[in-house]
Amino acid sequence: MKILDSIQLKLLTIIAIASLGVIFVGLLSVFSLRRITDNFSNYIDASTSKVQSIQKALISLENANSSLAFALSYENLENLDDINRNESDFNHAILQYSVFVNALIWGSASEEFQNQDGGIIYSEWKRMEIPKDFLVPPADEKEKKTVEELGTSITPFVTDAQKIFSLKRKILRQSSTVQQGDIDKSKTELASLVLSLKTSRENISKLIETYISQTDVVMKTEIEQQNKFTKSLYQLIFTFIGLNLLAVVIISTYITRFLILIPIQQLTKVVNDISTGKLDSKIDPRLLESKGEIGDLARAFDRTVVSLKLAMREKGQTGQSDTSTTKEAT
């Protein structure tokens, strides 16, 4: 018997193929889950950078507002230098605000972002020494309109603020040389500008709130989709594993029945027939020609059956001879 014809080898081959199938499904599952995890991690990083960017833009806006508030609080001519310094701080804060808003619009790695305002925006981005792994993705369709409005709505705010700085310096100079009537007129104009500035500031705050709400909705939607996709993938994986195991059971049962059970049943029937006197019963030639353990067993049974038939025939002939001898003696 060749080792390649062994039933044990065939069964081991089936088990090995089934194991390889399970391993393949497992590896495919791990690879798929890893890709999902990496994609979701990248999405979380991108969403986090968006949130941090809008937070930094809001902080810059608050810094600009604080610089303006300090300038409005001065009442003496000696504070002109302080107003100039506050105006410089204000302009720098607005520049940083524009940096983060433009990053949200175009994406921090895009050429459009690098070329904004002749490269001034990108130069400030690099000067701020932001980590290289901090990448802001461009706004999607749902967010883009709101972010663009954040960029344009800062213009009236800055325009009013610049007028306020100039008018505040004018009022401080007027306090020592001009009559009270002119000073009151300038203060009235200043109050009007402050009111307009407040309106612009409120509009920007509403836009920021809108953007944050939109970002939250997008994140929640994406997380729900990821959870549904992951759940579906798990179900698919378990289905594949279950089908693989079911196929192994069915194939193993069929092969076991075909290679072992049916041949043994056929051999058992032949032996039972012969034991009841049916000497013409024969083993299926296909079993005698088959290879492997069952073939060896069938051929051994066949030799046994032949010997048994001969023995039973000899016994029958001996019995007949004894009967004839007895009759002759009588």
C-alpha atoms as a PDB file:
ATOM      1  CA  MET A   1       0.000   0.000   0.000  1.00  0.00           C
ATOM      2  CA  LYS A   2       1.366   3.367  -0.992  1.00  0.00           C
ATOM      3  CA  ILE A   3       1.323   6.117   1.592  1.00  0.00           C
ATOM      4  CA  LEU A   4      -0.438   8.401  -0.905  1.00  0.00           C
ATOM      5  CA  ASP A   5      -3.362   5.955  -1.067  1.00  0.00           C
ATOM      6  CA  SER A   6      -3.834   5.893   2.703  1.00  0.00           C
ATOM      7  CA  ILE A   7      -7.245   6.865   4.078  1.00  0.00           C
ATOM      8  CA  GLN A   8      -5.509   8.496   7.003  1.00  0.00           C
ATOM      9  CA  LEU A   9      -3.606  10.741   4.594  1.00  0.00           C
ATOM     10  CA  LYS A  10      -6.818  11.664   2.795  1.00  0.00           C
ATOM     11  CA  LEU A  11      -8.545  12.540   6.050  1.00  0.00           C
ATOM     12  CA  LEU A  12      -5.516  14.502   7.201  1.00  0.00           C
ATOM     13  CA  THR A  13      -5.558  16.337   3.872  1.00  0.00           C
ATOM     14  CA  ILE A  14      -9.195  17.285   4.399  1.00  0.00           C
ATOM     15  CA  ILE A  15      -8.447  18.500   7.916  1.00  0.00           C
ATOM     16  CA  ALA A  16      -5.421  20.446   6.649  1.00  0.00           C
ATOM     17  CA  ILE A  17      -7.448  22.102   3.877  1.00  0.00           C
ATOM     18  CA  ALA A  18     -10.183  22.980   6.355  1.00  0.00           C
ATOM     19  CA  SER A  19      -7.615  24.406   8.763  1.00  0.00           C
ATOM     20  CA  LEU A  20      -6.067  26.447   5.969  1.00  0.00           C
ATOM     21  CA  GLY A  21      -9.520  27.749   5.104  1.00  0.00           C
ATOM     22  CA  VAL A  22     -10.115  28.836   8.693  1.00  0.00           C
ATOM     23  CA  ILE A  23      -6.650  30.397   8.856  1.00  0.00           C
ATOM     24  CA  PHE A  24      -7.259  32.221   5.561  1.00  0.00           C
ATOM     25  CA  VAL A  25     -10.577  33.595   6.784  1.00  0.00           C
ATOM     26  CA  GLY A  26      -8.906  34.588  10.055  1.00  0.00           C
ATOM     27  CA  LEU A  27      -6.047  36.374   8.298  1.00  0.00           C
ATOM     28  CA  LEU A  28      -8.468  38.097   5.947  1.00  0.00           C
ATOM     29  CA  SER A  29     -10.532  39.168   8.935  1.00  0.00           C
ATOM     30  CA  VAL A  30      -7.497  40.540  10.766  1.00  0.00           C
ATOM     31  CA  PHE A  31      -6.350  42.398   7.642  1.00  0.00           C
ATOM     32  CA  SER A  32      -9.820  43.865   7.053  1.00  0.00           C
ATOM     33  CA  LEU A  33     -10.250  44.884  10.678  1.00  0.00           C
ATOM     34  CA  ARG A  34      -6.799  46.446  10.671  1.00  0.00           C
ATOM     35  CA  ARG A  35      -7.663  48.500   7.602  1.00  0.00           C
ATOM     36  CA  ILE A  36     -10.915  49.605   9.211  1.00  0.00           C
ATOM     37  CA  THR A  37      -9.065  50.517  12.398  1.00  0.00           C
ATOM     38  CA  ASP A  38      -6.415  52.464  10.481  1.00  0.00           C
ATOM     39  CA  ASN A  39      -9.015  54.318   8.415  1.00  0.00           C
ATOM     40  CA  PHE A  40     -11.064  55.128  11.478  1.00  0.00           C
ATOM     41  CA  SER A  41      -7.940  56.241  13.347  1.00  0.00           C
ATOM     42  CA  ASN A  42      -7.022  58.532  10.446  1.00  0.00           C
ATOM     43  CA  TYR A  43     -10.538  59.934  10.436  1.00  0.00           C
ATOM     44  CA  ILE A  44     -10.400  60.587  14.176  1.00  0.00           C
ATOM     45  CA  ASP A  45      -7.028  62.329  13.758  1.00  0.00           C
ATOM     46  CA  ALA A  46      -8.428  64.479  10.952  1.00  0.00           C
ATOM     47  CA  SER A  47     -11.546  65.328  12.958  1.00  0.00           C
ATOM     48  CA  THR A  48      -9.421  66.134  16.001  1.00  0.00           C
ATOM     49  CA  SER A  49      -7.246  68.488  13.947  1.00  0.00           C
ATOM     50  CA  LYS A  50     -10.393  70.251  12.728  1.00  0.00           C
ATOM     51  CA  VAL A  51     -11.669  70.690  16.265  1.00  0.00           C
ATOM     52  CA  GLN A  52      -8.291  71.923  17.477  1.00  0.00           C
ATOM     53  CA  SER A  53      -8.048  74.355  14.553  1.00  0.00           C
ATOM     54  CA  ILE A  54     -11.420  75.933  15.274  1.00  0.00           C
ATOM     55  CA  GLN A  55     -10.465  76.116  18.952  1.00  0.00           C
ATOM     56  CA  LYS A  56      -7.213  77.894  18.072  1.00  0.00           C
ATOM     57  CA  ALA A  57      -9.109  80.247  15.761  1.00  0.00           C
ATOM     58  CA  LEU A  58     -11.521  81.033  18.596  1.00  0.00           C
ATOM     59  CA  ILE A  59      -8.617  81.651  20.995  1.00  0.00           C
ATOM     60  CA  SER A  60      -7.012  84.003  18.453  1.00  0.00           C
ATOM     61  CA  LEU A  61     -10.307  85.861  18.118  1.00  0.00           C
ATOM     62  CA  GLU A  62     -10.552  86.195  21.896  1.00  0.00           C
ATOM     63  CA  ASN A  63      -6.981  87.513  22.017  1.00  0.00           C
ATOM     64  CA  ALA A  64      -7.861  90.100  19.371  1.00  0.00           C
ATOM     65  CA  ASN A  65     -10.951  91.082  21.326  1.00  0.00           C
ATOM     66  CA  SER A  66      -8.893  91.442  24.526  1.00  0.00           C
ATOM     67  CA  SER A  67      -6.343  93.685  22.795  1.00  0.00           C
ATOM     68  CA  LEU A  68      -9.172  95.888  21.564  1.00  0.00           C
ATOM     69  CA  ALA A  69     -10.772  96.013  25.023  1.00  0.00           C
ATOM     70  CA  PHE A  70      -7.482  97.136  26.576  1.00  0.00           C
ATOM     71  CA  ALA A  71      -7.168  99.914  24.000  1.00  0.00           C
ATOM     72  CA  LEU A  72     -10.670 101.142  24.792  1.00  0.00           C
ATOM     73  CA  SER A  73      -9.900 101.312  28.508  1.00  0.00           C
ATOM     74  CA  TYR A  74      -7.117 103.928  28.216  1.00  0.00           C
ATOM     75  CA  GLU A  75      -7.981 107.534  29.075  1.00  0.00           C
ATOM     76  CA  ASN A  76      -4.636 109.389  29.107  1.00  0.00           C
ATOM     77  CA  LEU A  77      -2.466 110.744  26.338  1.00  0.00           C
ATOM     78  CA  GLU A  78       0.468 108.810  27.794  1.00  0.00           C
ATOM     79  CA  ASN A  79      -1.245 105.581  26.749  1.00  0.00           C
ATOM     80  CA  LEU A  80      -0.771 106.136  22.992  1.00  0.00           C
ATOM     81  CA  ASP A  81       2.135 103.679  22.917  1.00  0.00           C
ATOM     82  CA  ASP A  82      -0.002 101.131  24.735  1.00  0.00           C
ATOM     83  CA  ILE A  83      -2.728 101.524  22.120  1.00  0.00           C
ATOM     84  CA  ASN A  84      -0.181 101.026  19.345  1.00  0.00           C
ATOM     85  CA  ARG A  85       1.054  97.867  21.048  1.00  0.00           C
ATOM     86  CA  ASN A  86      -2.492  96.597  21.488  1.00  0.00           C
ATOM     87  CA  GLU A  87      -3.196  97.253  17.825  1.00  0.00           C
ATOM     88  CA  SER A  88      -0.116  95.244  16.873  1.00  0.00           C
ATOM     89  CA  ASP A  89      -1.260  92.383  19.112  1.00  0.00           C
ATOM     90  CA  PHE A  90      -4.715  92.622  17.584  1.00  0.00           C
ATOM     91  CA  ASN A  91      -3.368  92.363  14.027  1.00  0.00           C
ATOM     92  CA  HIS A  92      -1.212  89.387  14.962  1.00  0.00           C
ATOM     93  CA  ALA A  93      -4.161  87.611  16.590  1.00  0.00           C
ATOM     94  CA  ILE A  94      -6.285  88.232  13.484  1.00  0.00           C
ATOM     95  CA  LEU A  95      -3.487  86.826  11.317  1.00  0.00           C
ATOM     96  CA  GLN A  96      -3.448  83.639  13.393  1.00  0.00           C
ATOM     97  CA  TYR A  97      -7.232  83.463  13.162  1.00  0.00           C
ATOM     98  CA  SER A  98      -6.947  83.683   9.369  1.00  0.00           C
ATOM     99  CA  VAL A  99      -4.255  80.976   9.385  1.00  0.00           C
ATOM    100  CA  PHE A 100      -6.494  78.401  11.046  1.00  0.00           C
ATOM    101  CA  VAL A 101      -9.623  79.367   9.104  1.00  0.00           C
ATOM    102  CA  ASN A 102      -7.769  79.063   5.784  1.00  0.00           C
ATOM    103  CA  ALA A 103      -6.357  75.716   6.924  1.00  0.00           C
ATOM    104  CA  LEU A 104      -9.921  74.554   7.557  1.00  0.00           C
ATOM    105  CA  ILE A 105     -11.042  75.796   4.128  1.00  0.00           C
ATOM    106  CA  TRP A 106      -8.234  74.475   1.937  1.00  0.00           C
ATOM    107  CA  GLY A 107      -6.428  71.900   4.055  1.00  0.00           C
ATOM    108  CA  SER A 108      -3.046  72.591   5.620  1.00  0.00           C
ATOM    109  CA  ALA A 109      -1.153  70.483   3.056  1.00  0.00           C
ATOM    110  CA  SER A 110      -2.725  72.041  -0.058  1.00  0.00           C
ATOM    111  CA  GLU A 111      -1.081  74.442  -2.494  1.00  0.00           C
ATOM    112  CA  GLU A 112      -4.052  76.799  -2.175  1.00  0.00           C
ATOM    113  CA  PHE A 113      -3.327  77.184   1.522  1.00  0.00           C
ATOM    114  CA  GLN A 114       0.373  77.805   0.910  1.00  0.00           C
ATOM    115  CA  ASN A 115      -0.383  80.507  -1.683  1.00  0.00           C
ATOM    116  CA  GLN A 116      -3.021  82.421   0.295  1.00  0.00           C
ATOM    117  CA  ASP A 117      -2.290  86.176   0.618  1.00  0.00           C
ATOM    118  CA  GLY A 118       0.965  85.791  -1.256  1.00  0.00           C
ATOM    119  CA  GLY A 119       2.284  83.174   1.163  1.00  0.00           C
ATOM    120  CA  ILE A 120       1.827  85.309   4.308  1.00  0.00           C
ATOM    121  CA  ILE A 121      -0.646  82.837   5.811  1.00  0.00           C
ATOM    122  CA  TYR A 122       1.644  79.854   5.261  1.00  0.00           C
ATOM    123  CA  SER A 123       4.677  81.756   6.575  1.00  0.00           C
ATOM    124  CA  GLU A 124       2.796  82.405   9.812  1.00  0.00           C
ATOM    125  CA  TRP A 125       1.803  78.716   9.933  1.00  0.00           C
ATOM    126  CA  LYS A 126       5.469  77.718   9.766  1.00  0.00           C
ATOM    127  CA  ARG A 127       6.496  80.421  12.227  1.00  0.00           C
ATOM    128  CA  MET A 128       4.036  79.026  14.762  1.00  0.00           C
ATOM    129  CA  GLU A 129       6.055  75.758  14.689  1.00  0.00           C
ATOM    130  CA  ILE A 130       3.008  73.551  14.410  1.00  0.00           C
ATOM    131  CA  PRO A 131       3.959  69.822  14.526  1.00  0.00           C
ATOM    132  CA  LYS A 132       4.357  68.200  11.104  1.00  0.00           C
ATOM    133  CA  ASP A 133       1.889  65.449  11.965  1.00  0.00           C
ATOM    134  CA  PHE A 134      -0.802  68.075  12.638  1.00  0.00           C
ATOM    135  CA  LEU A 135      -2.614  67.953   9.294  1.00  0.00           C
ATOM    136  CA  VAL A 136      -5.912  69.734   8.774  1.00  0.00           C
ATOM    137  CA  PRO A 137      -8.063  68.195   5.997  1.00  0.00           C
ATOM    138  CA  PRO A 138     -10.011  70.487   3.664  1.00  0.00           C
ATOM    139  CA  ALA A 139     -13.602  71.212   4.558  1.00  0.00           C
ATOM    140  CA  ASP A 140     -16.188  68.875   3.070  1.00  0.00           C
ATOM    141  CA  GLU A 141     -19.263  70.083   1.217  1.00  0.00           C
ATOM    142  CA  LYS A 142     -21.357  70.375   4.376  1.00  0.00           C
ATOM    143  CA  GLU A 143     -18.772  72.496   6.187  1.00  0.00           C
ATOM    144  CA  LYS A 144     -17.207  74.533   3.394  1.00  0.00           C
ATOM    145  CA  LYS A 145     -19.851  77.260   3.181  1.00  0.00           C
ATOM    146  CA  THR A 146     -19.739  77.902   6.935  1.00  0.00           C
ATOM    147  CA  VAL A 147     -15.934  77.973   7.036  1.00  0.00           C
ATOM    148  CA  GLU A 148     -15.775  80.335   4.059  1.00  0.00           C
ATOM    149  CA  GLU A 149     -18.196  82.647   5.865  1.00  0.00           C
ATOM    150  CA  LEU A 150     -15.866  82.532   8.871  1.00  0.00           C
ATOM    151  CA  GLY A 151     -13.129  83.827   6.575  1.00  0.00           C
ATOM    152  CA  THR A 152     -15.178  86.640   5.046  1.00  0.00           C
ATOM    153  CA  SER A 153     -17.038  87.708   8.200  1.00  0.00           C
ATOM    154  CA  ILE A 154     -13.787  88.725   9.883  1.00  0.00           C
ATOM    155  CA  THR A 155     -13.342  91.598   7.387  1.00  0.00           C
ATOM    156  CA  PRO A 156     -15.990  93.985   8.841  1.00  0.00           C
ATOM    157  CA  PHE A 157     -14.780  93.091  12.332  1.00  0.00           C
ATOM    158  CA  VAL A 158     -11.198  94.065  11.445  1.00  0.00           C
ATOM    159  CA  THR A 159     -12.341  97.199   9.586  1.00  0.00           C
ATOM    160  CA  ASP A 160     -14.324  98.453  12.590  1.00  0.00           C
ATOM    161  CA  ALA A 161     -11.468  97.574  14.950  1.00  0.00           C
ATOM    162  CA  GLN A 162      -8.946  99.554  12.919  1.00  0.00           C
ATOM    163  CA  LYS A 163     -11.286 102.547  12.963  1.00  0.00           C
ATOM    164  CA  ILE A 164     -11.659 102.165  16.721  1.00  0.00           C
ATOM    165  CA  PHE A 165      -7.896 102.153  17.282  1.00  0.00           C
ATOM    166  CA  SER A 166      -7.509 105.273  15.135  1.00  0.00           C
ATOM    167  CA  LEU A 167     -10.435 107.035  16.766  1.00  0.00           C
ATOM    168  CA  LYS A 168      -9.215 106.162  20.267  1.00  0.00           C
ATOM    169  CA  ARG A 169      -5.842 107.719  19.509  1.00  0.00           C
ATOM    170  CA  LYS A 170      -7.652 110.764  18.116  1.00  0.00           C
ATOM    171  CA  ILE A 171      -9.738 111.136  21.287  1.00  0.00           C
ATOM    172  CA  LEU A 172      -6.670 110.961  23.530  1.00  0.00           C
ATOM    173  CA  ARG A 173      -4.975 113.650  21.479  1.00  0.00           C
ATOM    174  CA  GLN A 174      -8.142 115.799  21.485  1.00  0.00           C
ATOM    175  CA  SER A 175      -8.375 115.641  25.265  1.00  0.00           C
ATOM    176  CA  SER A 176      -5.517 118.117  25.637  1.00  0.00           C
ATOM    177  CA  THR A 177      -6.134 120.485  22.713  1.00  0.00           C
ATOM    178  CA  VAL A 178      -9.767 120.330  21.529  1.00  0.00           C
ATOM    179  CA  GLN A 179     -13.003 121.518  23.061  1.00  0.00           C
ATOM    180  CA  GLN A 180     -15.320 119.072  24.812  1.00  0.00           C
ATOM    181  CA  GLY A 181     -17.881 119.187  22.000  1.00  0.00           C
ATOM    182  CA  ASP A 182     -15.466 117.667  19.499  1.00  0.00           C
ATOM    183  CA  ILE A 183     -14.450 115.062  22.040  1.00  0.00           C
ATOM    184  CA  ASP A 184     -18.072 114.090  22.653  1.00  0.00           C
ATOM    185  CA  LYS A 185     -18.630 113.781  18.911  1.00  0.00           C
ATOM    186  CA  SER A 186     -15.643 111.444  18.594  1.00  0.00           C
ATOM    187  CA  LYS A 187     -16.844 109.381  21.554  1.00  0.00           C
ATOM    188  CA  THR A 188     -20.287 109.070  19.975  1.00  0.00           C
ATOM    189  CA  GLU A 189     -18.678 107.811  16.782  1.00  0.00           C
ATOM    190  CA  LEU A 190     -16.561 105.428  18.860  1.00  0.00           C
ATOM    191  CA  ALA A 191     -19.627 104.033  20.620  1.00  0.00           C
ATOM    192  CA  SER A 192     -21.276 103.422  17.243  1.00  0.00           C
ATOM    193  CA  LEU A 193     -18.190 101.578  16.018  1.00  0.00           C
ATOM    194  CA  VAL A 194     -18.066  99.468  19.184  1.00  0.00           C
ATOM    195  CA  LEU A 195     -21.711  98.501  18.668  1.00  0.00           C
ATOM    196  CA  SER A 196     -21.015  97.537  15.052  1.00  0.00           C
ATOM    197  CA  LEU A 197     -17.959  95.593  16.182  1.00  0.00           C
ATOM    198  CA  LYS A 198     -20.029  93.735  18.742  1.00  0.00           C
ATOM    199  CA  THR A 199     -22.504  92.731  16.043  1.00  0.00           C
ATOM    200  CA  SER A 200     -19.681  91.430  13.840  1.00  0.00           C
ATOM    201  CA  ARG A 201     -18.245  89.523  16.783  1.00  0.00           C
ATOM    202  CA  GLU A 202     -21.597  87.907  17.522  1.00  0.00           C
ATOM    203  CA  ASN A 203     -21.969  86.868  13.878  1.00  0.00           C
ATOM    204  CA  ILE A 204     -18.554  85.216  13.970  1.00  0.00           C
ATOM    205  CA  SER A 205     -19.432  83.423  17.222  1.00  0.00           C
ATOM    206  CA  LYS A 206     -22.644  82.079  15.663  1.00  0.00           C
ATOM    207  CA  LEU A 207     -20.720  80.837  12.639  1.00  0.00           C
ATOM    208  CA  ILE A 208     -18.220  79.087  14.903  1.00  0.00           C
ATOM    209  CA  GLU A 209     -21.073  77.438  16.807  1.00  0.00           C
ATOM    210  CA  THR A 210     -22.637  76.372  13.503  1.00  0.00           C
ATOM    211  CA  TYR A 211     -19.345  74.896  12.305  1.00  0.00           C
ATOM    212  CA  ILE A 212     -18.843  72.995  15.557  1.00  0.00           C
ATOM    213  CA  SER A 213     -22.396  71.623  15.335  1.00  0.00           C
ATOM    214  CA  GLN A 214     -21.844  70.544  11.736  1.00  0.00           C
ATOM    215  CA  THR A 215     -18.572  68.870  12.680  1.00  0.00           C
ATOM    216  CA  ASP A 216     -20.273  67.028  15.542  1.00  0.00           C
ATOM    217  CA  VAL A 217     -23.035  65.794  13.229  1.00  0.00           C
ATOM    218  CA  VAL A 218     -20.515  64.605  10.643  1.00  0.00           C
ATOM    219  CA  MET A 219     -18.449  62.830  13.311  1.00  0.00           C
ATOM    220  CA  LYS A 220     -21.484  61.131  14.840  1.00  0.00           C
ATOM    221  CA  THR A 221     -22.676  60.020  11.401  1.00  0.00           C
ATOM    222  CA  GLU A 222     -19.245  58.671  10.500  1.00  0.00           C
ATOM    223  CA  ILE A 223     -18.907  56.837  13.809  1.00  0.00           C
ATOM    224  CA  GLU A 224     -22.347  55.261  13.363  1.00  0.00           C
ATOM    225  CA  GLN A 225     -21.430  54.169   9.836  1.00  0.00           C
ATOM    226  CA  GLN A 226     -18.141  52.733  11.043  1.00  0.00           C
ATOM    227  CA  ASN A 227     -19.916  50.823  13.814  1.00  0.00           C
ATOM    228  CA  LYS A 228     -22.487  49.437  11.364  1.00  0.00           C
ATOM    229  CA  PHE A 229     -19.766  48.468   8.892  1.00  0.00           C
ATOM    230  CA  THR A 230     -17.696  46.796  11.602  1.00  0.00           C
ATOM    231  CA  LYS A 231     -20.748  44.900  12.850  1.00  0.00           C
ATOM    232  CA  SER A 232     -21.559  43.773   9.305  1.00  0.00           C
ATOM    233  CA  LEU A 233     -17.959  42.686   8.799  1.00  0.00           C
ATOM    234  CA  TYR A 234     -18.021  40.624  11.994  1.00  0.00           C
ATOM    235  CA  GLN A 235     -21.247  38.967  10.866  1.00  0.00           C
ATOM    236  CA  LEU A 236     -19.701  38.235   7.473  1.00  0.00           C
ATOM    237  CA  ILE A 237     -16.585  36.777   9.104  1.00  0.00           C
ATOM    238  CA  PHE A 238     -18.614  34.530  11.404  1.00  0.00           C
ATOM    239  CA  THR A 239     -20.757  33.474   8.434  1.00  0.00           C
ATOM    240  CA  PHE A 240     -17.675  32.528   6.407  1.00  0.00           C
ATOM    241  CA  ILE A 241     -16.217  30.590   9.322  1.00  0.00           C
ATOM    242  CA  GLY A 242     -19.536  28.827   9.922  1.00  0.00           C
ATOM    243  CA  LEU A 243     -19.927  27.933   6.244  1.00  0.00           C
ATOM    244  CA  ASN A 244     -16.346  26.709   6.150  1.00  0.00           C
ATOM    245  CA  LEU A 245     -16.892  24.466   9.168  1.00  0.00           C
ATOM    246  CA  LEU A 246     -20.207  23.241   7.767  1.00  0.00           C
ATOM    247  CA  ALA A 247     -18.542  22.391   4.456  1.00  0.00           C
ATOM    248  CA  VAL A 248     -15.803  20.524   6.313  1.00  0.00           C
ATOM    249  CA  VAL A 249     -18.363  18.509   8.283  1.00  0.00           C
ATOM    250  CA  ILE A 250     -20.389  17.650   5.172  1.00  0.00           C
ATOM    251  CA  ILE A 251     -17.364  16.737   3.058  1.00  0.00           C
ATOM    252  CA  SER A 252     -15.749  14.787   5.894  1.00  0.00           C
ATOM    253  CA  THR A 253     -18.984  12.891   6.539  1.00  0.00           C
ATOM    254  CA  TYR A 254     -19.413  12.084   2.848  1.00  0.00           C
ATOM    255  CA  ILE A 255     -15.815  10.982   2.365  1.00  0.00           C
ATOM    256  CA  THR A 256     -15.817   8.967   5.588  1.00  0.00           C
ATOM    257  CA  ARG A 257     -19.021   7.244   4.522  1.00  0.00           C
ATOM    258  CA  PHE A 258     -17.761   6.683   0.974  1.00  0.00           C
ATOM    259  CA  LEU A 259     -14.269   5.502   1.917  1.00  0.00           C
ATOM    260  CA  ILE A 260     -14.941   3.598   5.145  1.00  0.00           C
ATOM    261  CA  LEU A 261     -18.541   2.959   6.175  1.00  0.00           C
ATOM    262  CA  ILE A 262     -19.986   1.715   2.862  1.00  0.00           C
ATOM    263  CA  PRO A 263     -17.056  -0.645   2.120  1.00  0.00           C
ATOM    264  CA  ILE A 264     -17.210  -2.083   5.652  1.00  0.00           C
ATOM    265  CA  GLN A 265     -20.981  -2.575   5.320  1.00  0.00           C
ATOM    266  CA  GLN A 266     -20.445  -4.398   2.016  1.00  0.00           C
ATOM    267  CA  LEU A 267     -17.768  -6.635   3.537  1.00  0.00           C
ATOM    268  CA  THR A 268     -19.983  -7.350   6.544  1.00  0.00           C
ATOM    269  CA  LYS A 269     -22.875  -8.349   4.251  1.00  0.00           C
ATOM    270  CA  VAL A 270     -20.653 -10.801   2.357  1.00  0.00           C
ATOM    271  CA  VAL A 271     -19.425 -12.403   5.579  1.00  0.00           C
ATOM    272  CA  ASN A 272     -22.985 -12.672   6.926  1.00  0.00           C
ATOM    273  CA  ASP A 273     -24.195 -14.230   3.653  1.00  0.00           C
ATOM    274  CA  ILE A 274     -21.456 -16.828   3.711  1.00  0.00           C
ATOM    275  CA  SER A 275     -22.086 -17.593   7.369  1.00  0.00           C
ATOM    276  CA  THR A 276     -25.698 -18.414   6.477  1.00  0.00           C
ATOM    277  CA  GLY A 277     -24.666 -20.708   3.638  1.00  0.00           C
ATOM    278  CA  LYS A 278     -24.833 -18.365   0.680  1.00  0.00           C
ATOM    279  CA  LEU A 279     -21.518 -19.419  -0.806  1.00  0.00           C
ATOM    280  CA  ASP A 280     -22.135 -17.594  -4.091  1.00  0.00           C
ATOM    281  CA  SER A 281     -21.890 -14.191  -2.357  1.00  0.00           C
ATOM    282  CA  LYS A 282     -18.937 -12.193  -3.627  1.00  0.00           C
ATOM    283  CA  ILE A 283     -17.065  -9.057  -2.638  1.00  0.00           C
ATOM    284  CA  ASP A 284     -17.503  -6.091  -4.975  1.00  0.00           C
ATOM    285  CA  PRO A 285     -14.594  -6.141  -7.485  1.00  0.00           C
ATOM    286  CA  ARG A 286     -14.198  -2.390  -7.062  1.00  0.00           C
ATOM    287  CA  LEU A 287     -13.329  -2.946  -3.406  1.00  0.00           C
ATOM    288  CA  LEU A 288     -10.761  -5.560  -4.362  1.00  0.00           C
ATOM    289  CA  GLU A 289      -9.184  -3.178  -6.846  1.00  0.00           C
ATOM    290  CA  SER A 290      -9.218  -0.159  -4.524  1.00  0.00           C
ATOM    291  CA  LYS A 291      -6.066   1.033  -2.854  1.00  0.00           C
ATOM    292  CA  GLY A 292      -5.462   1.940   0.731  1.00  0.00           C
ATOM    293  CA  GLU A 293      -6.499   0.304   3.966  1.00  0.00           C
ATOM    294  CA  ILE A 294     -10.001  -0.626   2.750  1.00  0.00           C
ATOM    295  CA  GLY A 295      -8.551  -2.319  -0.336  1.00  0.00           C
ATOM    296  CA  ASP A 296      -6.154  -4.319   1.818  1.00  0.00           C
ATOM    297  CA  LEU A 297      -9.008  -5.271   4.119  1.00  0.00           C
ATOM    298  CA  ALA A 298     -11.227  -6.279   1.174  1.00  0.00           C
ATOM    299  CA  ARG A 299      -8.524  -8.482  -0.324  1.00  0.00           C
ATOM    300  CA  ALA A 300      -7.875 -10.069   3.073  1.00  0.00           C
ATOM    301  CA  PHE A 301     -11.616 -10.689   3.446  1.00  0.00           C
ATOM    302  CA  ASP A 302     -11.696 -12.128  -0.056  1.00  0.00           C
ATOM    303  CA  ARG A 303      -8.948 -14.606   0.790  1.00  0.00           C
ATOM    304  CA  THR A 304     -10.774 -15.486   3.977  1.00  0.00           C
ATOM    305  CA  VAL A 305     -14.035 -15.915   2.093  1.00  0.00           C
ATOM    306  CA  VAL A 306     -12.369 -18.163  -0.487  1.00  0.00           C
ATOM    307  CA  SER A 307     -10.839 -20.267   2.276  1.00  0.00           C
ATOM    308  CA  LEU A 308     -14.165 -20.391   4.081  1.00  0.00           C
ATOM    309  CA  LYS A 309     -15.972 -21.476   0.923  1.00  0.00           C
ATOM    310  CA  LEU A 310     -13.422 -24.232   0.300  1.00  0.00           C
ATOM    311  CA  ALA A 311     -13.690 -25.388   3.889  1.00  0.00           C
ATOM    312  CA  MET A 312     -17.475 -25.470   3.744  1.00  0.00           C
ATOM    313  CA  ARG A 313     -17.427 -27.339   0.418  1.00  0.00           C
ATOM    314  CA  GLU A 314     -14.909 -29.865   1.746  1.00  0.00           C
ATOM    315  CA  LYS A 315     -17.072 -30.299   4.798  1.00  0.00           C
ATOM    316  CA  GLY A 316     -20.072 -30.841   2.592  1.00  0.00           C
ATOM    317  CA  GLN A 317     -18.237 -33.376   0.450  1.00  0.00           C
ATOM    318  CA  THR A 318     -16.960 -35.178   3.561  1.00  0.00           C
ATOM    319  CA  GLY A 319     -20.487 -35.346   4.903  1.00  0.00           C
ATOM    320  CA  GLN A 320     -21.739 -36.848   1.657  1.00  0.00           C
ATOM    321  CA  SER A 321     -18.910 -39.431   1.649  1.00  0.00           C
ATOM    322  CA  ASP A 322     -19.735 -40.474   5.206  1.00  0.00           C
ATOM    323  CA  THR A 323     -23.380 -40.887   4.262  1.00  0.00           C
ATOM    324  CA  SER A 324     -22.517 -43.060   1.247  1.00  0.00           C
ATOM    325  CA  THR A 325     -20.189 -45.242   3.298  1.00  0.00           C
ATOM    326  CA  THR A 326     -22.866 -45.769   5.922  1.00  0.00           C
ATOM    327  CA  LYS A 327     -25.394 -46.811   3.296  1.00  0.00           C
ATOM    328  CA  GLU A 328     -22.958 -49.283   1.714  1.00  0.00           C
ATOM    329  CA  ALA A 329     -22.166 -50.802   5.088  1.00  0.00           C
ATOM    330  CA  THR A 330     -25.828 -51.269   5.746  1.00  0.00           C
END
